[in-house]
Amino acid sequence: MGVSIYGLMGDGGRGVVKEIFAVVYAPKKKKRLPASCVQKMDSESAALEASDPDRKRHAAVVAGPSTSSESQQIYYLVRWLN
C-alpha cells in the first residue's frame, strides 16, 4: 500500500519531501511530474510571473523530489496556481 504525499511531508515541513513553488512544463496536467519538467522558483509571485500557460508552463506548488519505483526523480503536484 502506498503512502500519501502528506504522510511523506510530515508535520511542520520536517518530512522527507518539501513543498516548493515552481513553474511546471505540463502538456497534460498530471499529479506526478518528472524533475526535468519542474523549474524551482523562489516565491509564488516569481512562479506566477514566469508561467506561460499558452506554452504549457504553469505555476504550481509541488512536493519533492522523491524517487519513483523506476528510480526517477519526481515531484508531486500539491496545487496549481494558475
PDB file of N, CA and C in Angstrom:
ATOM      1  N   MET A   1       0.851  -1.170   0.000  1.00  0.00           N
ATOM      2  CA  MET A   1       0.000   0.000   0.000  1.00  0.00           C
ATOM      3  C   MET A   1       0.898   1.234   0.000  1.00  0.00           C
ATOM      4  N   GLY A   2       0.545   2.249  -0.793  1.00  0.00           N
ATOM      5  CA  GLY A   2       1.330   3.473  -0.896  1.00  0.00           C
ATOM      6  C   GLY A   2       1.094   4.412   0.272  1.00  0.00           C
ATOM      7  N   VAL A   3       1.981   5.371   0.391  1.00  0.00           N
ATOM      8  CA  VAL A   3       1.884   6.407   1.413  1.00  0.00           C
ATOM      9  C   VAL A   3       1.465   7.695   0.722  1.00  0.00           C
ATOM     10  N   SER A   4       0.532   8.424   1.310  1.00  0.00           N
ATOM     11  CA  SER A   4       0.118   9.690   0.700  1.00  0.00           C
ATOM     12  C   SER A   4       1.256  10.688   0.764  1.00  0.00           C
ATOM     13  N   ILE A   5       1.246  11.657  -0.141  1.00  0.00           N
ATOM     14  CA  ILE A   5       2.272  12.693  -0.151  1.00  0.00           C
ATOM     15  C   ILE A   5       2.255  13.469   1.153  1.00  0.00           C
ATOM     16  N   TYR A   6       1.094  13.659   1.743  1.00  0.00           N
ATOM     17  CA  TYR A   6       1.018  14.387   3.004  1.00  0.00           C
ATOM     18  C   TYR A   6       1.678  13.602   4.127  1.00  0.00           C
ATOM     19  N   GLY A   7       1.651  12.283   4.058  1.00  0.00           N
ATOM     20  CA  GLY A   7       2.347  11.463   5.038  1.00  0.00           C
ATOM     21  C   GLY A   7       3.861  11.589   4.910  1.00  0.00           C
ATOM     22  N   LEU A   8       4.351  11.759   3.676  1.00  0.00           N
ATOM     23  CA  LEU A   8       5.782  11.935   3.457  1.00  0.00           C
ATOM     24  C   LEU A   8       6.260  13.309   3.899  1.00  0.00           C
ATOM     25  N   MET A   9       5.366  14.301   3.842  1.00  0.00           N
ATOM     26  CA  MET A   9       5.762  15.666   4.169  1.00  0.00           C
ATOM     27  C   MET A   9       5.902  15.874   5.664  1.00  0.00           C
ATOM     28  N   GLY A  10       5.168  15.158   6.452  1.00  0.00           N
ATOM     29  CA  GLY A  10       5.289  15.244   7.901  1.00  0.00           C
ATOM     30  C   GLY A  10       4.754  16.545   8.465  1.00  0.00           C
ATOM     31  N   ASP A  11       4.838  16.686   9.780  1.00  0.00           N
ATOM     32  CA  ASP A  11       4.345  17.875  10.472  1.00  0.00           C
ATOM     33  C   ASP A  11       5.372  18.991  10.416  1.00  0.00           C
ATOM     34  N   GLY A  12       4.904  20.189  10.168  1.00  0.00           N
ATOM     35  CA  GLY A  12       5.777  21.358  10.230  1.00  0.00           C
ATOM     36  C   GLY A  12       6.860  21.395   9.169  1.00  0.00           C
ATOM     37  N   GLY A  13       6.676  20.689   8.057  1.00  0.00           N
ATOM     38  CA  GLY A  13       7.654  20.736   6.985  1.00  0.00           C
ATOM     39  C   GLY A  13       8.955  19.998   7.257  1.00  0.00           C
ATOM     40  N   ARG A  14       8.977  19.099   8.244  1.00  0.00           N
ATOM     41  CA  ARG A  14      10.203  18.368   8.571  1.00  0.00           C
ATOM     42  C   ARG A  14      10.215  16.980   7.958  1.00  0.00           C
ATOM     43  N   GLY A  15       9.341  16.714   7.023  1.00  0.00           N
ATOM     44  CA  GLY A  15       9.231  15.382   6.449  1.00  0.00           C
ATOM     45  C   GLY A  15      10.289  15.094   5.399  1.00  0.00           C
ATOM     46  N   VAL A  16      10.070  14.050   4.653  1.00  0.00           N
ATOM     47  CA  VAL A  16      11.008  13.574   3.654  1.00  0.00           C
ATOM     48  C   VAL A  16      11.075  14.522   2.462  1.00  0.00           C
ATOM     49  N   VAL A  17       9.934  15.031   2.010  1.00  0.00           N
ATOM     50  CA  VAL A  17       9.898  15.942   0.868  1.00  0.00           C
ATOM     51  C   VAL A  17       9.378  17.299   1.317  1.00  0.00           C
ATOM     52  N   LYS A  18       9.706  18.329   0.534  1.00  0.00           N
ATOM     53  CA  LYS A  18       9.325  19.700   0.872  1.00  0.00           C
ATOM     54  C   LYS A  18       8.427  20.282  -0.209  1.00  0.00           C
ATOM     55  N   GLU A  19       7.535  21.189   0.178  1.00  0.00           N
ATOM     56  CA  GLU A  19       6.733  21.941  -0.787  1.00  0.00           C
ATOM     57  C   GLU A  19       7.563  23.106  -1.308  1.00  0.00           C
ATOM     58  N   ILE A  20       7.512  23.310  -2.617  1.00  0.00           N
ATOM     59  CA  ILE A  20       8.199  24.442  -3.232  1.00  0.00           C
ATOM     60  C   ILE A  20       7.296  25.060  -4.295  1.00  0.00           C
ATOM     61  N   PHE A  21       7.564  26.326  -4.609  1.00  0.00           N
ATOM     62  CA  PHE A  21       6.908  26.965  -5.740  1.00  0.00           C
ATOM     63  C   PHE A  21       7.702  26.604  -6.979  1.00  0.00           C
ATOM     64  N   ALA A  22       7.001  26.442  -8.099  1.00  0.00           N
ATOM     65  CA  ALA A  22       7.678  26.036  -9.327  1.00  0.00           C
ATOM     66  C   ALA A  22       6.880  26.453 -10.545  1.00  0.00           C
ATOM     67  N   VAL A  23       7.578  26.444 -11.672  1.00  0.00           N
ATOM     68  CA  VAL A  23       6.918  26.513 -12.970  1.00  0.00           C
ATOM     69  C   VAL A  23       7.082  25.127 -13.563  1.00  0.00           C
ATOM     70  N   VAL A  24       5.971  24.548 -13.991  1.00  0.00           N
ATOM     71  CA  VAL A  24       5.947  23.172 -14.458  1.00  0.00           C
ATOM     72  C   VAL A  24       5.572  23.144 -15.930  1.00  0.00           C
ATOM     73  N   TYR A  25       6.395  22.473 -16.743  1.00  0.00           N
ATOM     74  CA  TYR A  25       6.015  22.224 -18.128  1.00  0.00           C
ATOM     75  C   TYR A  25       5.088  21.019 -18.096  1.00  0.00           C
ATOM     76  N   ALA A  26       3.827  21.255 -18.456  1.00  0.00           N
ATOM     77  CA  ALA A  26       2.827  20.195 -18.336  1.00  0.00           C
ATOM     78  C   ALA A  26       1.871  20.213 -19.518  1.00  0.00           C
ATOM     79  N   PRO A  27       2.221  19.479 -20.599  1.00  0.00           N
ATOM     80  CA  PRO A  27       1.276  19.374 -21.716  1.00  0.00           C
ATOM     81  C   PRO A  27      -0.062  18.778 -21.266  1.00  0.00           C
ATOM     82  N   LYS A  28       0.010  17.869 -20.298  1.00  0.00           N
ATOM     83  CA  LYS A  28      -1.181  17.303 -19.652  1.00  0.00           C
ATOM     84  C   LYS A  28      -1.008  17.548 -18.164  1.00  0.00           C
ATOM     85  N   LYS A  29      -2.019  18.056 -17.523  1.00  0.00           N
ATOM     86  CA  LYS A  29      -1.906  18.340 -16.093  1.00  0.00           C
ATOM     87  C   LYS A  29      -2.005  17.031 -15.318  1.00  0.00           C
ATOM     88  N   LYS A  30      -0.856  16.582 -14.821  1.00  0.00           N
ATOM     89  CA  LYS A  30      -0.754  15.325 -14.079  1.00  0.00           C
ATOM     90  C   LYS A  30      -0.427  15.593 -12.627  1.00  0.00           C
ATOM     91  N   LYS A  31      -0.530  14.566 -11.799  1.00  0.00           N
ATOM     92  CA  LYS A  31      -0.222  14.687 -10.375  1.00  0.00           C
ATOM     93  C   LYS A  31       1.224  14.314 -10.076  1.00  0.00           C
ATOM     94  N   ARG A  32       1.839  13.494 -10.918  1.00  0.00           N
ATOM     95  CA  ARG A  32       3.248  13.119 -10.761  1.00  0.00           C
ATOM     96  C   ARG A  32       4.027  13.767 -11.891  1.00  0.00           C
ATOM     97  N   LEU A  33       5.086  14.496 -11.550  1.00  0.00           N
ATOM     98  CA  LEU A  33       5.803  15.303 -12.531  1.00  0.00           C
ATOM     99  C   LEU A  33       7.283  14.935 -12.545  1.00  0.00           C
ATOM    100  N   PRO A  34       7.839  14.614 -13.710  1.00  0.00           N
ATOM    101  CA  PRO A  34       9.269  14.331 -13.776  1.00  0.00           C
ATOM    102  C   PRO A  34      10.073  15.577 -13.399  1.00  0.00           C
ATOM    103  N   ALA A  35      11.190  15.383 -12.722  1.00  0.00           N
ATOM    104  CA  ALA A  35      12.021  16.515 -12.292  1.00  0.00           C
ATOM    105  C   ALA A  35      12.459  17.371 -13.468  1.00  0.00           C
ATOM    106  N   SER A  36      12.624  16.783 -14.641  1.00  0.00           N
ATOM    107  CA  SER A  36      13.050  17.546 -15.819  1.00  0.00           C
ATOM    108  C   SER A  36      11.999  18.560 -16.275  1.00  0.00           C
ATOM    109  N   CYS A  37      10.779  18.442 -15.795  1.00  0.00           N
ATOM    110  CA  CYS A  37       9.692  19.360 -16.162  1.00  0.00           C
ATOM    111  C   CYS A  37       9.420  20.418 -15.095  1.00  0.00           C
ATOM    112  N   VAL A  38      10.197  20.414 -14.011  1.00  0.00           N
ATOM    113  CA  VAL A  38       9.952  21.301 -12.871  1.00  0.00           C
ATOM    114  C   VAL A  38      11.099  22.304 -12.738  1.00  0.00           C
ATOM    115  N   GLN A  39      10.750  23.587 -12.764  1.00  0.00           N
ATOM    116  CA  GLN A  39      11.728  24.657 -12.538  1.00  0.00           C
ATOM    117  C   GLN A  39      11.406  25.302 -11.194  1.00  0.00           C
ATOM    118  N   LYS A  40      12.300  25.150 -10.232  1.00  0.00           N
ATOM    119  CA  LYS A  40      12.085  25.700  -8.890  1.00  0.00           C
ATOM    120  C   LYS A  40      12.102  27.224  -8.947  1.00  0.00           C
ATOM    121  N   MET A  41      11.219  27.847  -8.158  1.00  0.00           N
ATOM    122  CA  MET A  41      11.140  29.298  -8.080  1.00  0.00           C
ATOM    123  C   MET A  41      11.247  29.715  -6.615  1.00  0.00           C
ATOM    124  N   ASP A  42      11.660  30.969  -6.398  1.00  0.00           N
ATOM    125  CA  ASP A  42      11.861  31.466  -5.033  1.00  0.00           C
ATOM    126  C   ASP A  42      10.569  31.823  -4.316  1.00  0.00           C
ATOM    127  N   SER A  43       9.516  32.152  -5.078  1.00  0.00           N
ATOM    128  CA  SER A  43       8.280  32.610  -4.436  1.00  0.00           C
ATOM    129  C   SER A  43       7.085  32.324  -5.337  1.00  0.00           C
ATOM    130  N   GLU A  44       5.902  32.476  -4.752  1.00  0.00           N
ATOM    131  CA  GLU A  44       4.671  32.313  -5.528  1.00  0.00           C
ATOM    132  C   GLU A  44       4.602  33.359  -6.633  1.00  0.00           C
ATOM    133  N   SER A  45       4.950  34.604  -6.307  1.00  0.00           N
ATOM    134  CA  SER A  45       4.870  35.666  -7.322  1.00  0.00           C
ATOM    135  C   SER A  45       5.864  35.418  -8.460  1.00  0.00           C
ATOM    136  N   ALA A  46       7.042  34.895  -8.155  1.00  0.00           N
ATOM    137  CA  ALA A  46       8.020  34.579  -9.200  1.00  0.00           C
ATOM    138  C   ALA A  46       7.505  33.457 -10.099  1.00  0.00           C
ATOM    139  N   ALA A  47       6.870  32.468  -9.506  1.00  0.00           N
ATOM    140  CA  ALA A  47       6.309  31.366 -10.289  1.00  0.00           C
ATOM    141  C   ALA A  47       5.195  31.866 -11.199  1.00  0.00           C
ATOM    142  N   LEU A  48       4.325  32.713 -10.664  1.00  0.00           N
ATOM    143  CA  LEU A  48       3.236  33.247 -11.468  1.00  0.00           C
ATOM    144  C   LEU A  48       3.764  34.121 -12.608  1.00  0.00           C
ATOM    145  N   GLU A  49       4.780  34.924 -12.325  1.00  0.00           N
ATOM    146  CA  GLU A  49       5.353  35.807 -13.340  1.00  0.00           C
ATOM    147  C   GLU A  49       6.040  35.020 -14.458  1.00  0.00           C
ATOM    148  N   ALA A  50       6.706  33.924 -14.106  1.00  0.00           N
ATOM    149  CA  ALA A  50       7.441  33.119 -15.085  1.00  0.00           C
ATOM    150  C   ALA A  50       6.550  32.141 -15.848  1.00  0.00           C
ATOM    151  N   SER A  51       5.336  31.932 -15.370  1.00  0.00           N
ATOM    152  CA  SER A  51       4.453  30.966 -16.036  1.00  0.00           C
ATOM    153  C   SER A  51       3.990  31.502 -17.390  1.00  0.00           C
ATOM    154  N   ASP A  52       3.662  30.587 -18.271  1.00  0.00           N
ATOM    155  CA  ASP A  52       3.161  30.927 -19.609  1.00  0.00           C
ATOM    156  C   ASP A  52       2.208  29.810 -20.038  1.00  0.00           C
ATOM    157  N   PRO A  53       0.953  29.880 -19.591  1.00  0.00           N
ATOM    158  CA  PRO A  53       0.003  28.795 -19.883  1.00  0.00           C
ATOM    159  C   PRO A  53      -0.159  28.491 -21.379  1.00  0.00           C
ATOM    160  N   ASP A  54       0.017  29.498 -22.237  1.00  0.00           N
ATOM    161  CA  ASP A  54      -0.088  29.247 -23.679  1.00  0.00           C
ATOM    162  C   ASP A  54       1.006  28.308 -24.178  1.00  0.00           C
ATOM    163  N   ARG A  55       2.134  28.289 -23.450  1.00  0.00           N
ATOM    164  CA  ARG A  55       3.248  27.388 -23.788  1.00  0.00           C
ATOM    165  C   ARG A  55       3.298  26.190 -22.837  1.00  0.00           C
ATOM    166  N   LYS A  56       2.190  25.975 -22.137  1.00  0.00           N
ATOM    167  CA  LYS A  56       2.031  24.834 -21.220  1.00  0.00           C
ATOM    168  C   LYS A  56       3.013  24.866 -20.046  1.00  0.00           C
ATOM    169  N   ARG A  57       3.372  26.085 -19.608  1.00  0.00           N
ATOM    170  CA  ARG A  57       4.236  26.275 -18.436  1.00  0.00           C
ATOM    171  C   ARG A  57       3.383  26.917 -17.348  1.00  0.00           C
ATOM    172  N   HIS A  58       3.026  26.130 -16.345  1.00  0.00           N
ATOM    173  CA  HIS A  58       2.064  26.533 -15.330  1.00  0.00           C
ATOM    174  C   HIS A  58       2.736  26.714 -13.969  1.00  0.00           C
ATOM    175  N   ALA A  59       2.305  27.738 -13.243  1.00  0.00           N
ATOM    176  CA  ALA A  59       2.779  27.948 -11.876  1.00  0.00           C
ATOM    177  C   ALA A  59       2.087  26.934 -10.965  1.00  0.00           C
ATOM    178  N   ALA A  60       2.849  26.395 -10.026  1.00  0.00           N
ATOM    179  CA  ALA A  60       2.304  25.361  -9.145  1.00  0.00           C
ATOM    180  C   ALA A  60       3.065  25.314  -7.836  1.00  0.00           C
ATOM    181  N   VAL A  61       2.459  24.650  -6.875  1.00  0.00           N
ATOM    182  CA  VAL A  61       3.154  24.236  -5.657  1.00  0.00           C
ATOM    183  C   VAL A  61       3.343  22.732  -5.804  1.00  0.00           C
ATOM    184  N   VAL A  62       4.578  22.288  -5.683  1.00  0.00           N
ATOM    185  CA  VAL A  62       4.884  20.865  -5.817  1.00  0.00           C
ATOM    186  C   VAL A  62       5.630  20.393  -4.577  1.00  0.00           C
ATOM    187  N   ALA A  63       5.631  19.094  -4.366  1.00  0.00           N
ATOM    188  CA  ALA A  63       6.355  18.484  -3.251  1.00  0.00           C
ATOM    189  C   ALA A  63       7.378  17.515  -3.815  1.00  0.00           C
ATOM    190  N   GLY A  64       8.577  17.569  -3.272  1.00  0.00           N
ATOM    191  CA  GLY A  64       9.594  16.649  -3.751  1.00  0.00           C
ATOM    192  C   GLY A  64      10.977  17.228  -3.609  1.00  0.00           C
ATOM    193  N   PRO A  65      11.927  16.637  -4.243  1.00  0.00           N
ATOM    194  CA  PRO A  65      11.800  15.472  -5.119  1.00  0.00           C
ATOM    195  C   PRO A  65      11.724  14.167  -4.322  1.00  0.00           C
ATOM    196  N   SER A  66      11.243  13.179  -5.015  1.00  0.00           N
ATOM    197  CA  SER A  66      11.131  11.838  -4.466  1.00  0.00           C
ATOM    198  C   SER A  66      11.582  10.864  -5.552  1.00  0.00           C
ATOM    199  N   THR A  67      12.067   9.731  -5.168  1.00  0.00           N
ATOM    200  CA  THR A  67      12.492   8.735  -6.148  1.00  0.00           C
ATOM    201  C   THR A  67      11.356   7.750  -6.396  1.00  0.00           C
ATOM    202  N   SER A  68      10.990   7.610  -7.666  1.00  0.00           N
ATOM    203  CA  SER A  68       9.898   6.708  -8.030  1.00  0.00           C
ATOM    204  C   SER A  68      10.376   5.255  -8.000  1.00  0.00           C
ATOM    205  N   SER A  69       9.452   4.339  -8.185  1.00  0.00           N
ATOM    206  CA  SER A  69       9.801   2.915  -8.210  1.00  0.00           C
ATOM    207  C   SER A  69      10.674   2.581  -9.418  1.00  0.00           C
ATOM    208  N   GLU A  70      10.691   3.477 -10.422  1.00  0.00           N
ATOM    209  CA  GLU A  70      11.541   3.297 -11.602  1.00  0.00           C
ATOM    210  C   GLU A  70      12.873   4.034 -11.448  1.00  0.00           C
ATOM    211  N   SER A  71      13.183   4.494 -10.222  1.00  0.00           N
ATOM    212  CA  SER A  71      14.417   5.213  -9.892  1.00  0.00           C
ATOM    213  C   SER A  71      14.526   6.573 -10.582  1.00  0.00           C
ATOM    214  N   GLN A  72      13.403   7.193 -10.897  1.00  0.00           N
ATOM    215  CA  GLN A  72      13.375   8.524 -11.492  1.00  0.00           C
ATOM    216  C   GLN A  72      13.036   9.545 -10.413  1.00  0.00           C
ATOM    217  N   GLN A  73      13.610  10.744 -10.501  1.00  0.00           N
ATOM    218  CA  GLN A  73      13.276  11.823  -9.576  1.00  0.00           C
ATOM    219  C   GLN A  73      11.966  12.460 -10.041  1.00  0.00           C
ATOM    220  N   ILE A  74      10.984  12.527  -9.141  1.00  0.00           N
ATOM    221  CA  ILE A  74       9.683  13.098  -9.480  1.00  0.00           C
ATOM    222  C   ILE A  74       9.235  14.065  -8.391  1.00  0.00           C
ATOM    223  N   TYR A  75       8.329  14.939  -8.788  1.00  0.00           N
ATOM    224  CA  TYR A  75       7.652  15.850  -7.872  1.00  0.00           C
ATOM    225  C   TYR A  75       6.167  15.518  -7.905  1.00  0.00           C
ATOM    226  N   TYR A  76       5.484  15.788  -6.822  1.00  0.00           N
ATOM    227  CA  TYR A  76       4.042  15.579  -6.739  1.00  0.00           C
ATOM    228  C   TYR A  76       3.343  16.933  -6.732  1.00  0.00           C
ATOM    229  N   LEU A  77       2.304  17.060  -7.517  1.00  0.00           N
ATOM    230  CA  LEU A  77       1.521  18.273  -7.543  1.00  0.00           C
ATOM    231  C   LEU A  77       0.769  18.442  -6.228  1.00  0.00           C
ATOM    232  N   VAL A  78       0.916  19.593  -5.603  1.00  0.00           N
ATOM    233  CA  VAL A  78       0.115  19.936  -4.422  1.00  0.00           C
ATOM    234  C   VAL A  78      -1.081  20.748  -4.877  1.00  0.00           C
ATOM    235  N   ARG A  79      -0.815  21.802  -5.680  1.00  0.00           N
ATOM    236  CA  ARG A  79      -1.911  22.579  -6.283  1.00  0.00           C
ATOM    237  C   ARG A  79      -1.375  23.452  -7.403  1.00  0.00           C
ATOM    238  N   TRP A  80      -2.237  23.725  -8.387  1.00  0.00           N
ATOM    239  CA  TRP A  80      -1.917  24.656  -9.458  1.00  0.00           C
ATOM    240  C   TRP A  80      -2.167  26.072  -8.961  1.00  0.00           C
ATOM    241  N   LEU A  81      -1.329  27.015  -9.374  1.00  0.00           N
ATOM    242  CA  LEU A  81      -1.525  28.410  -9.006  1.00  0.00           C
ATOM    243  C   LEU A  81      -2.221  29.189 -10.119  1.00  0.00           C
ATOM    244  N   ASN A  82      -2.173  28.670 -11.338  1.00  0.00           N
ATOM    245  CA  ASN A  82      -2.916  29.296 -12.457  1.00  0.00           C
ATOM    246  C   ASN A  82      -3.388  28.243 -13.424  1.00  0.00           C
TER     247      ASN A  82
END
